[in-house]
Amino acid sequence: MNFLADECVPAEVVARLRADGHLVEAAGAESAGAPDDDVLARAASSGRVLITADKDFGELVYRLGRAHAGVMLLRLPGVAAAERAELVSSVCRERTPELPGNFTVIERNMVRVRRPGATSGSSPKTAEDDEADHGSD
């Protein structure tokens, strides 16, 4: 799978996904400090799922209706780097078909996949949530 990792994505996550055979481009490598809108557009134009820990991308996708090829939001505060990398790797392995074109939120014990509505810019109220327990605590 092809990903664009936002600057806020830990290096351990990028390294793990690459080790798993995914193509991961680091957003900061070419355009450090780029606005979120530009990062999202870059991922969309290259057909890459954006990986980020920045909740502002939810506003861009849902409130402003920006185009995207998929967004994976990491909500893993306080999770050790190795565990964070393992969680993301596991989601990518187990839910590959669901990631492109959807907004996926990864938390320590839950993965939510929000599918866009029939038209672009649909609100979260009309999107379908698919919740599944992930991991064990």
C-alpha atoms as a PDB file:
ATOM      1  CA  MET A   1       0.000   0.000   0.000  1.00  0.00           C
ATOM      2  CA  ASN A   2       1.149   3.589  -0.611  1.00  0.00           C
ATOM      3  CA  PHE A   3       1.233   6.101   2.223  1.00  0.00           C
ATOM      4  CA  LEU A   4       2.272   9.679   2.837  1.00  0.00           C
ATOM      5  CA  ALA A   5       3.406  10.137   6.428  1.00  0.00           C
ATOM      6  CA  ASP A   6       2.770  13.601   7.856  1.00  0.00           C
ATOM      7  CA  GLU A   7       5.646  15.258   9.717  1.00  0.00           C
ATOM      8  CA  CYS A   8       4.086  14.363  13.078  1.00  0.00           C
ATOM      9  CA  VAL A   9       4.194  10.614  12.410  1.00  0.00           C
ATOM     10  CA  PRO A  10       6.924   8.973  14.476  1.00  0.00           C
ATOM     11  CA  ALA A  11       9.906   7.551  12.613  1.00  0.00           C
ATOM     12  CA  GLU A  12       9.240   4.132  14.191  1.00  0.00           C
ATOM     13  CA  VAL A  13       5.859   3.941  12.438  1.00  0.00           C
ATOM     14  CA  VAL A  14       7.378   4.891   9.080  1.00  0.00           C
ATOM     15  CA  ALA A  15      10.216   2.382   9.496  1.00  0.00           C
ATOM     16  CA  ARG A  16       7.837  -0.429  10.500  1.00  0.00           C
ATOM     17  CA  LEU A  17       5.516   0.142   7.550  1.00  0.00           C
ATOM     18  CA  ARG A  18       8.472   0.181   5.177  1.00  0.00           C
ATOM     19  CA  ALA A  19       9.758  -3.055   6.736  1.00  0.00           C
ATOM     20  CA  ASP A  20       6.294  -4.532   6.132  1.00  0.00           C
ATOM     21  CA  GLY A  21       6.714  -3.747   2.421  1.00  0.00           C
ATOM     22  CA  HIS A  22       4.585  -0.606   2.166  1.00  0.00           C
ATOM     23  CA  LEU A  23       5.716   2.403   0.152  1.00  0.00           C
ATOM     24  CA  VAL A  24       5.887   5.273   2.626  1.00  0.00           C
ATOM     25  CA  GLU A  25       6.853   8.780   1.615  1.00  0.00           C
ATOM     26  CA  ALA A  26       7.689  11.194   4.438  1.00  0.00           C
ATOM     27  CA  ALA A  27       5.954  14.564   3.949  1.00  0.00           C
ATOM     28  CA  GLY A  28       8.658  16.470   5.796  1.00  0.00           C
ATOM     29  CA  ALA A  29      11.418  15.169   3.526  1.00  0.00           C
ATOM     30  CA  GLU A  30      10.457  17.500   0.685  1.00  0.00           C
ATOM     31  CA  SER A  31       8.291  20.172   2.222  1.00  0.00           C
ATOM     32  CA  ALA A  32       8.881  20.650   5.932  1.00  0.00           C
ATOM     33  CA  GLY A  33       6.278  22.903   7.499  1.00  0.00           C
ATOM     34  CA  ALA A  34       3.828  22.662   4.573  1.00  0.00           C
ATOM     35  CA  PRO A  35       0.229  23.647   5.378  1.00  0.00           C
ATOM     36  CA  ASP A  36      -2.129  20.763   6.133  1.00  0.00           C
ATOM     37  CA  ASP A  37      -4.212  21.566   3.050  1.00  0.00           C
ATOM     38  CA  ASP A  38      -1.123  21.143   0.859  1.00  0.00           C
ATOM     39  CA  VAL A  39      -0.145  17.877   2.553  1.00  0.00           C
ATOM     40  CA  LEU A  40      -3.652  16.454   2.060  1.00  0.00           C
ATOM     41  CA  ALA A  41      -3.697  17.557  -1.593  1.00  0.00           C
ATOM     42  CA  ARG A  42      -0.273  16.003  -2.152  1.00  0.00           C
ATOM     43  CA  ALA A  43      -1.439  12.677  -0.730  1.00  0.00           C
ATOM     44  CA  ALA A  44      -4.646  12.786  -2.775  1.00  0.00           C
ATOM     45  CA  SER A  45      -2.916  13.662  -6.049  1.00  0.00           C
ATOM     46  CA  SER A  46      -0.468  10.786  -5.638  1.00  0.00           C
ATOM     47  CA  GLY A  47      -3.136   8.301  -4.508  1.00  0.00           C
ATOM     48  CA  ARG A  48      -1.530   7.817  -1.104  1.00  0.00           C
ATOM     49  CA  VAL A  49      -3.316   7.283   2.179  1.00  0.00           C
ATOM     50  CA  LEU A  50      -2.221  10.069   4.541  1.00  0.00           C
ATOM     51  CA  ILE A  51      -0.997   8.982   7.966  1.00  0.00           C
ATOM     52  CA  THR A  52      -1.134  11.722  10.598  1.00  0.00           C
ATOM     53  CA  ALA A  53      -1.591  12.464  14.281  1.00  0.00           C
ATOM     54  CA  ASP A  54      -3.052  15.900  13.495  1.00  0.00           C
ATOM     55  CA  LYS A  55      -6.814  16.104  14.120  1.00  0.00           C
ATOM     56  CA  ASP A  56      -7.074  19.150  11.831  1.00  0.00           C
ATOM     57  CA  PHE A  57      -7.296  16.787   8.866  1.00  0.00           C
ATOM     58  CA  GLY A  58     -10.763  15.741  10.049  1.00  0.00           C
ATOM     59  CA  GLU A  59     -11.932  19.314   9.598  1.00  0.00           C
ATOM     60  CA  LEU A  60     -10.387  19.494   6.138  1.00  0.00           C
ATOM     61  CA  VAL A  61     -12.075  16.272   5.043  1.00  0.00           C
ATOM     62  CA  TYR A  62     -15.475  16.611   6.701  1.00  0.00           C
ATOM     63  CA  ARG A  63     -16.202  20.291   7.224  1.00  0.00           C
ATOM     64  CA  LEU A  64     -14.390  21.640   4.172  1.00  0.00           C
ATOM     65  CA  GLY A  65     -14.919  18.608   1.931  1.00  0.00           C
ATOM     66  CA  ARG A  66     -11.317  18.358   0.708  1.00  0.00           C
ATOM     67  CA  ALA A  67     -10.496  15.483  -1.633  1.00  0.00           C
ATOM     68  CA  HIS A  68      -8.383  12.663  -0.221  1.00  0.00           C
ATOM     69  CA  ALA A  69      -7.236   9.157  -1.040  1.00  0.00           C
ATOM     70  CA  GLY A  70      -7.717   8.086   2.571  1.00  0.00           C
ATOM     71  CA  VAL A  71      -6.609   9.394   5.945  1.00  0.00           C
ATOM     72  CA  MET A  72      -5.332   7.391   8.898  1.00  0.00           C
ATOM     73  CA  LEU A  73      -5.452   9.428  12.118  1.00  0.00           C
ATOM     74  CA  LEU A  74      -3.283   8.104  14.944  1.00  0.00           C
ATOM     75  CA  ARG A  75      -4.773   8.884  18.338  1.00  0.00           C
ATOM     76  CA  LEU A  76      -2.151   7.152  20.450  1.00  0.00           C
ATOM     77  CA  PRO A  77      -0.954   9.570  23.131  1.00  0.00           C
ATOM     78  CA  GLY A  78       1.267   7.979  25.733  1.00  0.00           C
ATOM     79  CA  VAL A  79       1.736   4.786  23.711  1.00  0.00           C
ATOM     80  CA  ALA A  80       5.369   3.682  23.492  1.00  0.00           C
ATOM     81  CA  ALA A  81       6.982   3.962  20.062  1.00  0.00           C
ATOM     82  CA  ALA A  82       7.331   0.208  19.505  1.00  0.00           C
ATOM     83  CA  GLU A  83       3.695  -0.460  20.452  1.00  0.00           C
ATOM     84  CA  ARG A  84       2.509   2.442  18.282  1.00  0.00           C
ATOM     85  CA  ALA A  85       4.385   1.006  15.289  1.00  0.00           C
ATOM     86  CA  GLU A  86       2.927  -2.458  15.958  1.00  0.00           C
ATOM     87  CA  LEU A  87      -0.637  -1.105  16.219  1.00  0.00           C
ATOM     88  CA  VAL A  88      -0.385   0.765  12.926  1.00  0.00           C
ATOM     89  CA  SER A  89       1.241  -2.221  11.224  1.00  0.00           C
ATOM     90  CA  SER A  90      -1.514  -4.501  12.483  1.00  0.00           C
ATOM     91  CA  VAL A  91      -4.285  -2.205  11.210  1.00  0.00           C
ATOM     92  CA  CYS A  92      -2.588  -1.978   7.817  1.00  0.00           C
ATOM     93  CA  ARG A  93      -2.300  -5.765   7.645  1.00  0.00           C
ATOM     94  CA  GLU A  94      -5.801  -6.592   8.890  1.00  0.00           C
ATOM     95  CA  ARG A  95      -7.826  -3.801   7.271  1.00  0.00           C
ATOM     96  CA  THR A  96      -5.989  -3.073   4.013  1.00  0.00           C
ATOM     97  CA  PRO A  97      -9.107  -2.988   1.798  1.00  0.00           C
ATOM     98  CA  GLU A  98     -10.801  -0.453   4.084  1.00  0.00           C
ATOM     99  CA  LEU A  99      -8.036   2.165   4.200  1.00  0.00           C
ATOM    100  CA  PRO A 100      -8.107   3.738   0.721  1.00  0.00           C
ATOM    101  CA  GLY A 101     -10.720   6.468   0.428  1.00  0.00           C
ATOM    102  CA  ASN A 102     -11.835   6.265   4.058  1.00  0.00           C
ATOM    103  CA  PHE A 103     -11.053   8.190   7.234  1.00  0.00           C
ATOM    104  CA  THR A 104      -9.606   5.727   9.745  1.00  0.00           C
ATOM    105  CA  VAL A 105      -8.967   6.556  13.393  1.00  0.00           C
ATOM    106  CA  ILE A 106      -6.576   4.293  15.284  1.00  0.00           C
ATOM    107  CA  GLU A 107      -6.727   4.260  19.050  1.00  0.00           C
ATOM    108  CA  ARG A 108      -5.082   1.779  21.402  1.00  0.00           C
ATOM    109  CA  ASN A 109      -8.167  -0.463  21.718  1.00  0.00           C
ATOM    110  CA  MET A 110     -10.319   0.622  18.811  1.00  0.00           C
ATOM    111  CA  VAL A 111     -10.229   1.255  15.093  1.00  0.00           C
ATOM    112  CA  ARG A 112     -12.962   3.355  13.495  1.00  0.00           C
ATOM    113  CA  VAL A 113     -13.393   3.533   9.743  1.00  0.00           C
ATOM    114  CA  ARG A 114     -15.589   6.335   8.511  1.00  0.00           C
ATOM    115  CA  ARG A 115     -16.706   5.948   4.943  1.00  0.00           C
ATOM    116  CA  PRO A 116     -17.495   9.044   2.904  1.00  0.00           C
ATOM    117  CA  GLY A 117     -21.079   9.508   1.734  1.00  0.00           C
ATOM    118  CA  ALA A 118     -22.181   9.317  -1.871  1.00  0.00           C
ATOM    119  CA  THR A 119     -21.013  12.886  -2.471  1.00  0.00           C
ATOM    120  CA  SER A 120     -17.730  14.468  -1.494  1.00  0.00           C
ATOM    121  CA  GLY A 121     -17.704  16.607   1.601  1.00  0.00           C
ATOM    122  CA  SER A 122     -20.295  14.560   3.470  1.00  0.00           C
ATOM    123  CA  SER A 123     -20.594  15.289   7.136  1.00  0.00           C
ATOM    124  CA  PRO A 124     -19.650  12.816   9.855  1.00  0.00           C
ATOM    125  CA  LYS A 125     -23.355  12.581  10.761  1.00  0.00           C
ATOM    126  CA  THR A 126     -24.147  10.820   7.488  1.00  0.00           C
ATOM    127  CA  ALA A 127     -21.030   8.681   7.335  1.00  0.00           C
ATOM    128  CA  GLU A 128     -21.111   5.078   8.454  1.00  0.00           C
ATOM    129  CA  ASP A 129     -18.894   4.096  11.365  1.00  0.00           C
ATOM    130  CA  ASP A 130     -17.337   0.672  11.527  1.00  0.00           C
ATOM    131  CA  GLU A 131     -15.971   0.076  15.002  1.00  0.00           C
ATOM    132  CA  ALA A 132     -13.916  -2.926  15.941  1.00  0.00           C
ATOM    133  CA  ASP A 133     -11.983  -3.747  19.061  1.00  0.00           C
ATOM    134  CA  HIS A 134      -8.275  -3.904  18.457  1.00  0.00           C
ATOM    135  CA  GLY A 135      -5.601  -5.237  20.762  1.00  0.00           C
ATOM    136  CA  SER A 136      -6.038  -6.253  24.370  1.00  0.00           C
ATOM    137  CA  ASP A 137      -5.852  -4.335  27.594  1.00  0.00           C
END
